[in-house]
């Protein structure tokens, strides 16, 4: 997924990803530039330091992975943050 937010993966969009990830039983991880973050961890997300235009891999594993990946994709597709 590509970071479309002007300021990158900063606190507001990161918190939206975290809130979304917490709704699902699946494990959701984001991978960027050799680093991996649990999508339920705001600090982990911020420490990725993903800037606008960066391509982030999203890995989802679990019983509701299809719904989880769709929900995370919706967050990344929003540009209002």
Protein backbone atom coordinates (compact mmCIF):
# COMPACT_ATOMS: atom_id res chain seq x y z
CA UNK A 1 0.00 0.00 0.00
CA UNK A 2 1.19 3.48 -0.74
CA UNK A 3 1.26 6.28 1.83
CA UNK A 4 -0.89 9.07 0.39
CA UNK A 5 -0.95 11.39 3.38
CA UNK A 6 1.01 14.59 2.85
CA UNK A 7 2.86 14.26 6.16
CA UNK A 8 3.38 10.52 5.79
CA UNK A 9 2.38 7.98 8.41
CA UNK A 10 2.14 10.51 11.24
CA UNK A 11 0.09 10.26 14.45
CA UNK A 12 -3.42 10.77 13.04
CA UNK A 13 -3.35 8.19 10.22
CA UNK A 14 -1.28 5.80 12.36
CA UNK A 15 -3.94 5.94 15.07
CA UNK A 16 -6.61 5.22 12.44
CA UNK A 17 -4.67 2.14 11.33
CA UNK A 18 -4.30 1.03 14.96
CA UNK A 19 -8.02 1.49 15.71
CA UNK A 20 -8.86 -0.45 12.55
CA UNK A 21 -6.42 -3.27 13.35
CA UNK A 22 -7.83 -3.63 16.85
CA UNK A 23 -11.23 -4.57 15.42
CA UNK A 24 -9.89 -7.83 14.00
CA UNK A 25 -8.61 -11.09 15.45
CA UNK A 26 -5.97 -11.43 12.72
CA UNK A 27 -2.36 -10.39 13.24
CA UNK A 28 -1.64 -7.34 11.09
CA UNK A 29 1.89 -6.14 10.46
CA UNK A 30 3.30 -3.32 8.35
CA UNK A 31 6.72 -3.64 6.76
CA UNK A 32 8.72 -0.68 5.48
CA UNK A 33 12.40 -0.21 4.76
CA UNK A 34 13.39 -3.44 6.54
CA UNK A 35 11.36 -2.66 9.67
CA UNK A 36 8.21 -4.44 10.83
CA UNK A 37 5.50 -2.96 13.05
CA UNK A 38 2.50 -4.50 14.71
CA UNK A 39 -0.49 -2.56 13.37
CA UNK A 40 -1.94 -2.47 16.89
CA UNK A 41 1.06 -0.49 18.18
CA UNK A 42 0.99 3.27 17.67
CA UNK A 43 4.69 3.53 18.56
CA UNK A 44 5.60 0.76 16.15
CA UNK A 45 3.67 2.48 13.39
CA UNK A 46 5.32 5.84 14.02
CA UNK A 47 8.78 4.28 14.19
CA UNK A 48 8.39 3.05 10.61
CA UNK A 49 8.92 6.70 9.55
CA UNK A 50 7.06 6.08 6.29
CA UNK A 51 6.81 9.27 4.25
CA UNK A 52 4.36 10.30 1.55
CA UNK A 53 4.74 8.10 -1.50
CA UNK A 54 6.38 5.26 0.42
CA UNK A 55 5.25 1.74 -0.38
CA UNK A 56 4.36 -0.23 2.75
CA UNK A 57 3.74 -3.99 2.78
CA UNK A 58 0.81 -5.15 4.87
CA UNK A 59 0.87 -8.72 6.15
CA UNK A 60 -2.32 -10.18 7.61
CA UNK A 61 -2.66 -13.62 9.13
CA UNK A 62 -5.71 -15.04 10.85
CA UNK A 63 -9.32 -16.03 10.74
CA UNK A 64 -10.68 -12.72 9.44
CA UNK A 65 -7.75 -11.71 7.26
CA UNK A 66 -9.81 -10.86 4.16
CA UNK A 67 -11.98 -8.37 6.05
CA UNK A 68 -8.95 -7.03 7.91
CA UNK A 69 -6.94 -6.31 4.77
CA UNK A 70 -9.93 -4.59 3.16
CA UNK A 71 -10.41 -2.38 6.22
CA UNK A 72 -6.73 -1.44 6.34
CA UNK A 73 -6.81 -0.71 2.60
CA UNK A 74 -9.72 1.69 3.18
CA UNK A 75 -7.66 3.59 5.74
CA UNK A 76 -4.74 3.85 3.33
CA UNK A 77 -7.05 4.99 0.53
CA UNK A 78 -8.32 7.91 2.61
CA UNK A 79 -6.46 11.15 2.07
CA UNK A 80 -8.08 13.33 4.71
CA UNK A 81 -5.33 12.85 7.31
